[in-house]
Amino acid sequence: MDWPNLRILALCARNSPNIDVMDSMNKTNWLIILCILASVFSWFIANDQIIDNLAFSGQNLLKGRVWTLFTGLFLHSDVTHLIGNMIFLYIFGNTLENELGENWTLLPFFIGGTASFLLSMIFYDPTIYLIGASAAIFTLTAIIMLLKPLKFSFYFLMPLGLVAIIYFTYNLLAVYMGSQGNISYIGHIIGFLIGVPFGIASNKDWRKNLLITAGLFLIYLLIIWILLPSIGIFV
C-alpha cells in the first residue's frame, strides 16, 4: 500500500525453563516486531499528518521533530521493503547479538541508522522522507564481516562476510551508475561505513577477517566470470 501524496525515499537465545519467553528473546527480534507494527500502522492510517510526524526528513529536523530520527527507522514503504529488511535484520542482528550481546547490536543499530539519516541530508532534498532500517542493518553487516565472515547462512547459501561485501559493492555500483528510484543507496553506504569502526573494535582479528572476506569475494567474482559465459549472458 503506497502513501498518498508523499515523496518517500526508502532506506529500501538461549532457552531456559525458568526464564520468561519475553525476557529470553533476543532484542533483535523485538526490533523486528517494532518495525512490523510501526509499518503496518502507517500503512493503514496513511495520512499526511501522521507520516509527517513519524518519517525523517531534513525539513522535519529543522522543525524540531528530533524523534523522527528514531521513528523513521521503524517505518517501511511497503511489504517488499519490510520483508527484505527484516530478513537481513533477523540473520545479521541475531548473529551479532549471539556473539557479542545486545549492547553490541542495539547501539550500532541506532547509531548507524540515525547517523545515516543525518549524513544523508547532504545528498537529498530536505523535503524527501527517509525511512527504513536498511542503513542501520548495513551497519550490522559491516560488523559481522569483520567479526564472523565465515559464518554460513543457509538462507543465503553463502558465508555472511560474502553477503555483506556483495551488497556493499552493489550499492557502490548503484551510486556510481547514478541509479534512480526510491532506494537510498548512499544511506546504505554510509550505514556500512559507520559499522566498520564497530567491527574493528569488536575483535583483534579484524584484519584477518577482512582478508578472508576479500578472498571470498575474489572467489565469488571468479565463479561468476566462469559461469556467466556458459549460460550466454556475455562472452
Protein backbone atom coordinates (compact mmCIF):
# COMPACT_ATOMS: atom_id res chain seq x y z
CA MET A 1 0.00 0.00 0.00
CA ASP A 2 1.52 3.33 -1.07
CA TRP A 3 1.28 6.51 0.99
CA PRO A 4 -0.60 9.21 -0.93
CA ASN A 5 0.99 12.50 -1.99
CA LEU A 6 4.33 11.87 -0.31
CA ARG A 7 7.84 11.77 -1.73
CA ILE A 8 9.39 8.83 0.06
CA LEU A 9 12.95 7.60 -0.15
CA ALA A 10 13.28 4.18 1.43
CA LEU A 11 16.42 3.48 3.28
CA CYS A 12 14.87 0.13 0.92
CA ALA A 13 18.54 -17.15 22.85
CA ARG A 14 19.47 -19.45 24.98
CA ASN A 15 16.40 -21.30 26.32
CA SER A 16 15.74 -21.91 29.98
CA PRO A 17 12.57 -23.25 31.59
CA ASN A 18 13.00 -20.74 34.41
CA ILE A 19 13.17 -17.68 32.16
CA ASP A 20 10.15 -15.87 30.79
CA VAL A 21 9.91 -16.07 26.98
CA MET A 22 9.76 -12.28 26.67
CA ASP A 23 12.93 -11.88 28.73
CA SER A 24 14.83 -14.58 26.83
CA MET A 25 14.00 -13.36 23.33
CA ASN A 26 16.82 -11.53 21.58
CA LYS A 27 16.46 -7.76 21.40
CA THR A 28 16.93 -8.06 17.64
CA ASN A 29 13.60 -9.83 17.43
CA TRP A 30 11.95 -7.01 19.38
CA LEU A 31 13.33 -4.58 16.80
CA ILE A 32 11.73 -6.72 14.10
CA ILE A 33 8.38 -6.69 15.91
CA LEU A 34 8.52 -2.92 16.30
CA CYS A 35 9.33 -2.48 12.61
CA ILE A 36 6.37 -4.65 11.62
CA LEU A 37 3.92 -2.92 13.97
CA ALA A 38 5.03 0.60 13.05
CA SER A 39 4.97 -0.12 9.32
CA VAL A 40 1.56 -1.81 9.32
CA PHE A 41 0.18 1.03 11.47
CA SER A 42 1.47 3.64 9.00
CA TRP A 43 0.03 1.76 6.01
CA PHE A 44 -3.44 1.57 7.49
CA ILE A 45 -3.53 5.09 8.91
CA ALA A 46 -1.83 6.52 5.81
CA ASN A 47 -2.45 10.23 6.18
CA ASP A 48 0.00 13.06 5.63
CA GLN A 49 -0.09 14.36 9.19
CA ILE A 50 0.74 11.01 10.82
CA ILE A 51 3.55 10.23 8.39
CA ASP A 52 4.94 13.75 8.63
CA ASN A 53 5.30 13.27 12.37
CA LEU A 54 7.00 9.87 12.14
CA ALA A 55 9.14 9.83 8.98
CA PHE A 56 12.53 11.54 8.97
CA SER A 57 13.38 14.42 6.65
CA GLY A 58 15.68 17.40 6.79
CA GLN A 59 12.61 19.60 6.93
CA ASN A 60 11.24 17.67 9.90
CA LEU A 61 14.54 18.04 11.74
CA LEU A 62 14.53 21.81 11.16
CA LYS A 63 11.01 21.87 12.59
CA GLY A 64 12.33 20.28 15.79
CA ARG A 65 10.92 16.80 15.22
CA VAL A 66 14.07 15.12 16.51
CA TRP A 67 12.20 11.93 17.41
CA THR A 68 11.80 11.15 13.69
CA LEU A 69 15.50 10.15 13.70
CA PHE A 70 14.29 7.09 15.61
CA THR A 71 10.70 6.58 14.48
CA GLY A 72 11.79 6.75 10.83
CA LEU A 73 13.92 3.65 11.34
CA PHE A 74 10.83 1.54 12.03
CA LEU A 75 8.70 2.69 9.09
CA HIS A 76 8.81 0.91 5.72
CA SER A 77 7.19 1.94 2.47
CA ASP A 78 5.62 -1.40 1.50
CA VAL A 79 5.57 -5.13 2.22
CA THR A 80 8.56 -5.88 -0.01
CA HIS A 81 10.66 -3.21 1.69
CA LEU A 82 9.67 -4.52 5.12
CA ILE A 83 10.21 -8.23 4.44
CA GLY A 84 13.60 -7.69 2.78
CA ASN A 85 14.88 -5.61 5.66
CA MET A 86 13.53 -7.95 8.32
CA ILE A 87 15.23 -10.97 6.76
CA PHE A 88 18.58 -9.19 6.86
CA LEU A 89 17.94 -7.86 10.36
CA TYR A 90 16.96 -11.30 11.66
CA ILE A 91 20.05 -13.01 10.24
CA PHE A 92 22.72 -10.39 10.88
CA GLY A 93 21.19 -8.95 14.06
CA ASN A 94 20.73 -12.28 15.80
CA THR A 95 24.17 -13.47 14.70
CA LEU A 96 25.77 -10.35 16.17
CA GLU A 97 23.69 -10.45 19.35
CA ASN A 98 24.51 -14.13 19.95
CA GLU A 99 28.22 -13.37 19.50
CA LEU A 100 28.63 -10.08 21.39
CA GLY A 101 25.39 -9.41 23.25
CA GLU A 102 22.50 -6.98 22.98
CA ASN A 103 24.50 -3.79 23.59
CA TRP A 104 26.77 -4.54 20.63
CA THR A 105 23.64 -4.90 18.50
CA LEU A 106 21.36 -2.11 19.69
CA LEU A 107 23.99 0.63 19.97
CA PRO A 108 25.40 0.20 16.44
CA PHE A 109 21.87 -0.22 15.06
CA PHE A 110 20.66 3.11 16.40
CA ILE A 111 23.92 4.98 15.86
CA GLY A 112 24.22 3.68 12.31
CA GLY A 113 20.58 4.41 11.49
CA THR A 114 20.35 7.91 12.96
CA ALA A 115 23.79 8.99 11.73
CA SER A 116 22.91 7.77 8.22
CA PHE A 117 19.76 9.86 8.28
CA LEU A 118 21.73 12.93 9.33
CA LEU A 119 24.57 12.49 6.84
CA SER A 120 22.14 11.69 4.02
CA MET A 121 20.77 15.21 4.36
CA ILE A 122 23.89 16.35 2.48
CA PHE A 123 22.77 14.44 -0.61
CA TYR A 124 18.96 14.68 -0.60
CA ASP A 125 16.39 17.42 -0.74
CA PRO A 126 15.14 18.30 2.78
CA THR A 127 11.55 17.60 1.75
CA ILE A 128 12.27 13.95 0.91
CA TYR A 129 11.29 11.42 3.56
CA LEU A 130 13.96 8.93 4.61
CA ILE A 131 12.52 5.79 6.16
CA GLY A 132 13.50 2.22 6.92
CA ALA A 133 16.04 0.22 8.88
CA SER A 134 18.26 -0.54 5.87
CA ALA A 135 21.16 1.77 6.79
CA ALA A 136 21.09 0.57 10.40
CA ILE A 137 21.17 -3.04 9.18
CA PHE A 138 24.10 -2.26 6.88
CA THR A 139 25.94 -1.11 10.00
CA LEU A 140 25.41 -4.57 11.50
CA THR A 141 26.53 -6.31 8.29
CA ALA A 142 29.86 -4.46 8.39
CA ILE A 143 30.45 -5.62 11.96
CA ILE A 144 29.69 -9.25 11.10
CA MET A 145 32.00 -9.01 8.08
CA LEU A 146 34.90 -8.11 10.40
CA LEU A 147 33.82 -10.44 13.19
CA LYS A 148 32.50 -13.68 11.67
CA PRO A 149 32.98 -13.56 7.90
CA LEU A 150 32.85 -17.36 7.56
CA LYS A 151 29.57 -17.75 9.47
CA PHE A 152 27.48 -19.70 6.95
CA SER A 153 23.90 -18.67 6.19
CA PHE A 154 21.62 -21.41 4.91
CA TYR A 155 19.19 -18.70 3.78
CA PHE A 156 21.75 -17.01 1.51
CA LEU A 157 23.69 -20.26 0.93
CA MET A 158 26.97 -18.44 1.46
CA PRO A 159 29.11 -17.01 4.29
CA LEU A 160 27.79 -13.81 5.86
CA GLY A 161 31.01 -11.93 5.16
CA LEU A 162 30.47 -12.55 1.46
CA VAL A 163 26.83 -11.46 1.67
CA ALA A 164 27.92 -8.21 3.33
CA ILE A 165 30.59 -7.31 0.77
CA ILE A 166 28.35 -8.23 -2.18
CA TYR A 167 25.56 -5.93 -1.06
CA PHE A 168 28.00 -3.15 -0.20
CA THR A 169 29.56 -3.42 -3.65
CA TYR A 170 26.14 -3.45 -5.28
CA ASN A 171 25.26 -0.18 -3.57
CA LEU A 172 28.59 1.37 -4.58
CA LEU A 173 27.91 0.43 -8.20
CA ALA A 174 24.37 1.79 -7.97
CA VAL A 175 25.68 5.17 -6.81
CA TYR A 176 28.46 5.16 -9.40
CA MET A 177 26.00 4.40 -12.21
CA GLY A 178 23.56 7.04 -10.97
CA SER A 179 20.70 4.64 -10.29
CA GLN A 180 17.47 6.46 -9.57
CA GLY A 181 14.39 5.39 -7.64
CA ASN A 182 13.15 5.27 -4.08
CA ILE A 183 16.18 3.49 -2.58
CA SER A 184 18.80 5.44 -0.65
CA TYR A 185 21.94 3.70 -1.88
CA ILE A 186 24.01 6.48 -0.35
CA GLY A 187 22.36 5.90 3.02
CA HIS A 188 23.23 2.21 2.82
CA ILE A 189 26.88 3.01 2.09
CA ILE A 190 27.01 5.45 4.99
CA GLY A 191 25.49 2.86 7.33
CA PHE A 192 28.04 0.25 6.26
CA LEU A 193 30.99 2.63 6.74
CA ILE A 194 29.73 3.54 10.21
CA GLY A 195 29.78 -0.15 11.08
CA VAL A 196 33.45 -0.58 10.16
CA PRO A 197 34.85 1.11 13.32
CA PHE A 198 32.49 -1.02 15.43
CA GLY A 199 33.75 -4.12 13.66
CA ILE A 200 37.36 -3.13 14.27
CA ALA A 201 36.65 -2.51 17.94
CA SER A 202 34.76 -5.79 18.34
CA ASN A 203 37.75 -8.10 17.87
CA LYS A 204 41.51 -8.10 17.36
CA ASP A 205 41.33 -10.39 14.33
CA TRP A 206 39.52 -7.89 12.12
CA ARG A 207 42.44 -7.61 9.67
CA LYS A 208 42.47 -11.35 9.12
CA ASN A 209 38.70 -11.38 8.76
CA LEU A 210 38.85 -8.54 6.23
CA LEU A 211 41.36 -10.54 4.18
CA ILE A 212 39.09 -13.59 4.42
CA THR A 213 36.17 -11.51 3.14
CA ALA A 214 38.29 -10.16 0.28
CA GLY A 215 39.33 -13.70 -0.60
CA LEU A 216 35.74 -14.91 -0.59
CA PHE A 217 34.73 -12.01 -2.82
CA LEU A 218 37.50 -12.75 -5.32
CA ILE A 219 36.45 -16.41 -5.46
CA TYR A 220 32.83 -15.30 -5.97
CA LEU A 221 33.84 -12.99 -8.84
CA LEU A 222 35.91 -15.77 -10.41
CA ILE A 223 32.96 -18.16 -10.27
CA ILE A 224 30.70 -15.53 -11.85
CA TRP A 225 33.29 -14.86 -14.56
CA ILE A 226 33.48 -18.59 -15.36
CA LEU A 227 29.73 -19.32 -15.22
CA LEU A 228 28.15 -16.34 -16.97
CA PRO A 229 29.57 -17.00 -20.47
CA SER A 230 28.44 -20.63 -20.22
CA ILE A 231 24.80 -19.52 -19.84
CA GLY A 232 25.07 -16.96 -22.63
CA ILE A 233 24.92 -13.75 -20.59
CA PHE A 234 28.12 -12.41 -22.11
CA VAL A 235 31.11 -13.68 -24.00
